[in-house]
Protein backbone atom coordinates (compact mmCIF):
# COMPACT_ATOMS: atom_id res chain seq x y z
CA MET A 1 -11.28 -44.37 39.75
CA ASN A 2 -10.73 -41.12 41.39
CA LYS A 3 -7.00 -40.91 40.28
CA TRP A 4 -8.32 -41.77 36.42
CA HIS A 5 -11.07 -38.63 36.73
CA SER A 6 -7.97 -36.41 37.90
CA LEU A 7 -5.58 -37.02 35.00
CA LEU A 8 -8.69 -36.82 32.85
CA GLY A 9 -9.70 -33.71 34.18
CA LYS A 10 -5.92 -32.68 33.87
CA LEU A 11 -5.68 -33.57 30.27
CA VAL A 12 -9.22 -31.78 29.47
CA LEU A 13 -7.73 -28.62 31.08
CA LEU A 14 -4.87 -29.08 29.19
CA VAL A 15 -6.36 -29.37 25.62
CA GLY A 16 -8.62 -26.33 26.14
CA ALA A 17 -5.74 -24.00 26.96
CA VAL A 18 -3.64 -25.13 24.03
CA LEU A 19 -6.88 -24.42 21.91
CA LEU A 20 -7.45 -21.13 23.69
CA PHE A 21 -3.98 -19.67 23.59
CA PRO A 22 -3.76 -19.17 20.01
CA LEU A 23 -7.36 -17.52 19.98
CA ASN A 24 -6.37 -15.65 23.12
CA SER A 25 -2.57 -14.64 21.45
CA LEU A 26 -4.67 -13.39 18.07
CA ALA A 27 -7.23 -11.25 20.25
CA SER A 28 -4.51 -9.59 22.48
CA GLU A 29 -2.04 -9.04 19.30
CA LEU A 30 -4.66 -7.07 17.19
CA ALA A 31 -5.51 -4.98 20.52
CA ALA A 32 -2.07 -3.64 20.13
CA PHE A 33 -1.29 -0.83 19.00
CA PRO A 34 1.04 -1.73 15.86
CA GLU A 35 4.49 -1.95 16.18
CA ALA A 36 6.32 1.27 15.40
CA PHE A 37 8.57 1.36 12.52
CA ARG A 38 12.49 1.38 13.36
CA GLN A 39 11.14 1.60 17.35
CA LEU A 40 10.63 5.29 16.76
CA THR A 41 8.88 7.44 19.80
CA PRO A 42 5.76 9.11 18.77
CA GLU A 43 6.06 12.94 18.66
CA VAL A 44 2.23 13.35 18.99
CA GLN A 45 -0.03 10.58 21.10
CA VAL A 46 -3.61 11.05 21.14
CA GLU A 47 -6.45 8.84 22.84
CA LEU A 48 -9.51 8.78 20.41
CA ARG A 49 -12.88 7.85 22.02
CA SER A 50 -15.80 9.59 19.98
CA SER A 51 -19.41 8.45 19.14
CA GLY A 52 -18.99 9.48 15.39
CA HIS A 53 -15.54 9.31 14.43
CA LEU A 54 -14.60 10.36 11.07
CA VAL A 55 -13.15 7.44 8.75
CA LEU A 56 -12.47 7.79 5.19
CA LEU A 57 -12.46 4.93 2.74
CA SER A 58 -11.93 7.31 -0.74
CA PRO A 59 -10.25 9.92 -1.82
CA VAL A 60 -11.11 13.43 0.39
CA ARG A 61 -12.30 16.75 -0.94
CA GLU A 62 -13.76 20.04 0.34
CA VAL A 63 -16.59 21.61 -0.94
CA ASN A 64 -18.07 24.72 0.64
CA ASP A 65 -16.05 24.40 3.60
CA GLU A 66 -17.70 20.75 3.84
CA VAL A 67 -15.41 17.51 3.59
CA ARG A 68 -16.76 15.40 1.06
CA ALA A 69 -16.02 11.88 -0.04
CA GLU A 70 -17.21 8.83 -2.14
CA THR A 71 -17.21 7.01 0.84
CA MET A 72 -16.94 8.16 4.55
CA VAL A 73 -18.74 7.17 7.92
CA ARG A 74 -18.84 8.43 11.52
CA LEU A 75 -18.27 5.54 14.01
CA PRO A 76 -18.20 4.78 17.43
CA VAL A 77 -14.62 3.91 18.02
CA THR A 78 -11.99 3.78 21.22
CA GLY A 79 -8.23 3.54 20.29
CA GLU A 80 -5.47 6.09 19.97
CA GLY A 81 -3.19 8.53 17.40
CA ARG A 82 0.22 8.40 16.98
CA MET A 83 2.64 10.72 14.69
CA TYR A 84 5.97 9.73 14.23
CA GLN A 85 8.76 11.69 12.24
CA LEU A 86 10.98 10.07 10.00
CA PRO A 87 14.90 10.00 10.08
CA ARG A 88 16.07 11.58 6.80
CA ASP A 89 17.47 8.36 5.63
CA VAL A 90 14.11 6.52 5.28
CA ASN A 91 11.35 7.24 2.74
CA ARG A 92 7.77 7.42 3.18
CA GLU A 93 7.20 4.13 1.48
CA GLN A 94 8.91 1.98 3.79
CA ALA A 95 7.07 3.13 6.44
CA ARG A 96 3.82 2.44 4.74
CA ASP A 97 5.15 -0.92 3.74
CA HIS A 98 6.14 -2.07 7.47
CA TYR A 99 2.43 -1.30 8.62
CA LEU A 100 0.87 -2.74 5.28
CA ALA A 101 3.30 -6.28 6.62
CA LEU A 102 2.30 -6.14 9.91
CA LEU A 103 -1.61 -5.76 9.16
CA GLN A 104 -1.38 -8.58 6.17
CA GLN A 105 0.43 -10.80 8.89
CA GLN A 106 -2.83 -10.48 10.79
CA GLY A 107 -5.21 -11.10 7.92
CA ALA A 108 -6.45 -7.70 7.52
CA LYS A 109 -8.53 -6.50 5.06
CA ILE A 110 -7.65 -3.56 3.08
CA LEU A 111 -10.54 -1.27 2.77
CA PHE A 112 -8.82 1.49 1.11
CA GLU A 113 -5.67 2.67 -0.59
CA CYS A 114 -4.08 5.98 -2.44
CA SER A 115 -0.96 7.75 -2.90
CA GLY A 116 -0.13 11.04 -4.38
CA VAL A 117 -2.65 13.56 -5.32
CA SER A 118 -5.40 10.63 -5.85
CA CYS A 119 -5.92 10.93 -2.25
CA GLY A 120 -6.86 14.67 -2.57
CA ARG A 121 -5.29 17.48 -0.85
CA SER A 122 -3.32 17.12 1.78
CA VAL A 123 -4.04 20.15 4.00
CA VAL A 124 -8.02 18.90 4.26
CA TRP A 125 -6.67 15.65 5.57
CA ALA A 126 -4.23 17.22 7.72
CA ASN A 127 -6.79 19.63 9.25
CA ARG A 128 -10.17 18.43 8.64
CA ILE A 129 -9.29 14.71 8.96
CA PHE A 130 -7.05 14.16 11.27
CA ASP A 131 -6.90 17.59 13.48
CA GLN A 132 -3.05 17.31 13.06
CA ALA A 133 -1.54 20.77 11.28
CA THR A 134 1.91 18.96 11.32
CA LEU A 135 0.69 16.40 8.40
CA ASN A 136 -0.07 19.08 5.84
CA GLY A 137 1.93 18.73 3.23
CA ARG A 138 2.66 18.06 -0.66
CA ASP A 139 -0.57 16.49 -2.26
CA SER A 140 2.05 14.83 -4.47
CA GLU A 141 3.90 13.07 -1.85
CA GLN A 142 1.14 11.20 0.12
CA SER A 143 -0.33 8.16 0.99
CA TYR A 144 -3.03 6.87 2.86
CA LEU A 145 -4.75 2.88 3.95
CA ALA A 146 -7.16 2.08 5.80
CA ALA A 147 -7.32 -1.72 7.04
CA GLY A 148 -9.72 -3.82 9.11
CA THR A 149 -8.92 -7.01 11.17
CA LEU A 150 -11.51 -8.83 13.07
CA GLU A 151 -10.92 -11.08 16.86
CA PRO A 152 -12.45 -14.42 17.11
CA ASP A 153 -14.97 -13.12 18.92
CA GLY A 154 -16.24 -10.30 16.78
CA THR A 155 -14.18 -7.37 17.80
CA ARG A 156 -13.16 -5.06 15.06
CA TRP A 157 -10.54 -3.09 14.58
CA LEU A 158 -9.57 -0.18 11.98
CA THR A 159 -6.06 1.02 11.48
CA LEU A 160 -5.29 4.04 9.36
CA VAL A 161 -1.75 4.91 8.11
CA TYR A 162 -1.51 8.22 6.52
CA THR A 163 1.92 9.47 5.30
CA VAL A 164 3.41 12.74 4.06
CA THR A 165 6.38 14.91 2.67
CA ARG A 166 6.21 18.51 4.31
CA GLY A 167 7.58 21.45 2.14
CA ASN A 168 10.64 21.26 4.38
CA LEU A 169 11.42 17.92 3.43
CA ARG A 170 10.06 16.47 6.96
CA LYS A 171 8.15 13.23 6.67
CA TYR A 172 5.56 11.81 8.88
CA VAL A 173 3.65 9.12 9.72
CA TRP A 174 0.14 9.41 11.45
CA VAL A 175 -0.81 5.88 12.64
CA GLU A 176 -4.74 5.43 14.18
CA HIS A 177 -5.83 2.32 16.12
CA LEU A 178 -9.41 1.74 16.65
CA LYS A 179 -11.77 -0.47 18.13
CA VAL A 180 -15.09 -0.13 16.44
CA GLY A 181 -18.15 -0.15 18.76
CA ASN A 182 -20.91 -2.84 18.41
CA GLY A 183 -23.51 -2.23 15.70
CA ALA A 184 -21.53 0.14 13.34
CA VAL A 185 -21.52 -0.82 9.93
CA VAL A 186 -18.38 -0.23 8.12
CA PRO A 187 -18.43 -0.36 4.27
CA GLY A 188 -16.27 -3.06 2.82
CA PHE A 189 -15.48 -4.58 6.01
CA ASP A 190 -19.05 -5.95 7.19
CA ALA A 191 -20.67 -9.07 5.60
CA GLY A 192 -22.60 -8.06 2.57
CA SER A 193 -21.41 -4.64 2.20
CA ASP A 194 -18.51 -5.50 -0.05
CA ARG A 195 -20.67 -5.32 -3.19
CA VAL A 196 -21.89 -1.75 -2.69
CA SER A 197 -19.93 1.36 -3.30
CA GLY A 198 -21.10 4.90 -2.22
CA PRO A 199 -23.43 6.80 -2.22
CA LEU A 200 -21.54 9.15 -3.96
CA ILE A 201 -23.45 13.05 -3.02
CA VAL A 202 -23.57 15.14 -5.93
CA PRO A 203 -25.33 18.23 -5.50
CA TRP A 204 -26.95 20.00 -8.02
CA GLN A 205 -29.02 23.41 -8.83
CA GLY A 206 -30.80 24.92 -11.51
CA GLY A 207 -34.51 24.74 -13.79
CA VAL A 208 -33.90 24.76 -17.13
CA THR A 209 -30.09 23.77 -17.11
CA TYR A 210 -28.73 22.21 -14.17
CA GLN A 211 -25.10 22.46 -12.58
CA PHE A 212 -23.39 19.74 -10.75
CA ASP A 213 -21.14 20.22 -7.68
CA TRP A 214 -18.69 17.35 -8.21
CA GLN A 215 -14.76 16.58 -9.50
CA SER A 216 -12.96 15.19 -12.68
CA THR A 217 -11.68 12.58 -9.93
CA ASP A 218 -15.38 11.91 -8.82
CA ARG A 219 -16.29 11.04 -12.53
CA GLN A 220 -13.30 9.13 -13.13
CA GLN A 221 -14.06 6.99 -9.98
CA ILE A 222 -17.63 6.17 -11.25
CA ARG A 223 -16.52 5.41 -14.76
CA GLU A 224 -13.92 2.86 -13.17
CA GLN A 225 -15.98 1.22 -11.14
CA ALA A 226 -18.84 1.13 -13.72
CA GLY A 227 -16.33 -1.08 -15.79
CA ASN A 228 -16.62 -3.58 -13.96
CA LYS A 229 -18.38 -6.51 -15.43
CA GLY A 230 -21.71 -6.87 -14.34
CA ALA A 231 -21.57 -3.38 -12.56
CA ILE A 232 -24.93 -1.32 -11.99
CA VAL A 233 -25.02 2.21 -11.55
CA VAL A 234 -27.87 3.81 -9.18
CA LEU A 235 -28.97 6.92 -9.44
CA VAL A 236 -31.34 8.42 -6.55
CA GLY A 237 -32.86 11.93 -7.38
CA TYR A 238 -33.72 14.18 -4.26
CA SER A 239 -34.94 17.51 -4.18
CA THR A 240 -35.86 20.19 -1.34
CA LEU A 241 -39.51 20.87 -1.35
CA GLN A 242 -39.69 24.76 -1.50
CA ASP A 243 -42.58 26.79 -0.25
CA ASP A 244 -44.04 27.88 -3.59
CA GLU A 245 -44.12 24.61 -5.12
CA THR A 246 -45.90 21.13 -5.21
CA LEU A 247 -44.85 17.93 -4.34
CA ASP A 248 -45.26 16.65 -7.96
CA GLN A 249 -43.25 19.70 -9.10
CA SER A 250 -40.44 19.04 -6.49
CA ILE A 251 -40.21 15.37 -7.85
CA GLU A 252 -40.08 16.73 -11.43
CA ARG A 253 -36.76 19.13 -10.57
CA ALA A 254 -35.56 15.73 -9.07
CA ARG A 255 -35.96 13.94 -11.88
CA ALA A 256 -34.53 16.66 -14.60
CA ALA A 257 -31.75 16.72 -12.67
CA THR A 258 -31.35 12.90 -12.43
CA GLU A 259 -31.62 12.65 -16.00
CA THR A 260 -29.05 15.14 -16.46
CA LEU A 261 -26.74 13.58 -14.78
CA SER A 262 -27.77 10.45 -16.25
CA ASP A 263 -26.97 12.03 -19.56
CA VAL A 264 -23.10 12.94 -18.52
CA LEU A 265 -22.18 9.84 -17.12
CA ALA A 266 -23.29 8.03 -20.73
CA ARG A 267 -21.36 10.85 -22.27
CA ILE A 268 -18.07 9.60 -20.32
CA GLY A 269 -18.65 6.08 -21.06
CA VAL A 270 -21.01 4.43 -18.32
CA GLY A 271 -23.49 2.98 -20.41
CA ARG A 272 -27.39 3.85 -20.05
CA ASP A 273 -28.17 0.13 -19.61
CA GLN A 274 -26.11 -0.41 -16.86
CA GLN A 275 -28.08 2.88 -15.30
CA ARG A 276 -30.84 2.65 -13.19
CA LEU A 277 -32.78 6.11 -11.87
CA LEU A 278 -34.81 6.42 -8.92
CA VAL A 279 -36.56 9.96 -8.54
CA VAL A 280 -37.89 10.26 -4.82
CA GLY A 281 -37.69 14.30 -4.59
CA PRO A 282 -38.37 15.39 -1.26
CA THR A 283 -40.54 12.22 0.03
CA ILE A 284 -37.67 10.31 2.10
CA PRO A 285 -35.62 12.47 4.82
CA ILE A 286 -32.62 11.54 5.93
CA ASP A 287 -30.84 12.75 9.19
CA ASP A 288 -27.19 12.45 7.81
CA PRO A 289 -26.32 16.15 7.64
CA GLU A 290 -24.12 15.50 4.40
CA ARG A 291 -27.05 14.15 2.74
CA GLN A 292 -29.19 16.98 2.32
CA GLY A 293 -30.73 19.31 0.09
CA ASN A 294 -30.57 18.83 -3.90
CA ARG A 295 -29.00 15.87 -4.85
CA VAL A 296 -28.09 12.78 -6.84
CA GLU A 297 -26.76 9.86 -4.81
CA ILE A 298 -24.70 8.02 -7.16
CA SER A 299 -24.03 4.10 -6.13
CA VAL A 300 -22.21 1.02 -7.94
CA ILE A 301 -23.00 -1.94 -7.47
CA THR A 302 -21.20 -5.03 -8.84
CA ARG A 303 -21.75 -8.75 -9.03
C-alpha cells in the first residue's frame, strides 16, 4: 500500500509540474524585457520606478507649456526604458513590426498606436514624455505603440515602443517595459473600460462669446469616435467660482459654454441626438491637476 501511495504521490507532483510549467513560463516571458531588434545593444538604459509615471494612450499636444492628450494616465510602475540606434540599412517600420510581433505572440492587447504627424509633435514625446532629447526628430517620421499583457495571476505589463528619424537621418527606438502597480486603472486594458474613451479636456474662456482651446486633431478624433454605431458623446461643463458671483451664476456660465461647444460639435457632424450635456459648474472638485479651471470634458461611450 505504501508503494502505491508513493507512486501516486509522484504522479500528482508530476502532473502538477506539467500544469504549472506553462503558467510559470508565461509569467517569466512577460516579465523579461522584450528581445532587442537584431540583438542591438542599448545606448541608454534607465530604471523606471514611479508612483505616477506618465503613459499616453492618444496623440500628444502641448498647450501653455502643459502636456495634453485625450487619454493619458499616471501609473505606479516599476520597469526599464532602453534606447537603441538602428543600423542605416534598417527602416523604422521593421523595428516596430519586430516588437509588435513579439507582443502579439504573448497575447498582448494593443491599447493605442499612431504614426507620423497624427502622433503629435516629436519634440513633446522626446522631452516631455520620455525625457530623452535624442528622440527629438521629424514629426512625419515617428511612430508610437502601447500594449498591455496579463499574467495568469493578474499581474499587468505595459510595453511602449516609440520610433523616430532625426534630422541627421539617424533612427532610434525607445522601449519601455513596465509592471503596473496593483489597483491602478489602465484605460482600454482593464475589464469594463473599453467602452469609455476620454475625457478630452477642452478649456474655455469668454462670456457672451466663448473660445475653446483645442486643435483640429481633437475635433477629428471626436467626430470619428462618434461615427461608431450607437456612440454617445458626453459633455460635462465645469467652471470656477469667482469671488464676485453666486453659485447659480457660475453654473450658468458653464452651461452657456457647454451648449456653445455642443453647437460646434453639431456643425462638424456629431448629431445632437447622440450628445448628452451635463453641467456641474464648480460643484465637483477634482484633484487631478490636468482637470482644473473653466473647461468642458468630452467622453465618448460606445456599445
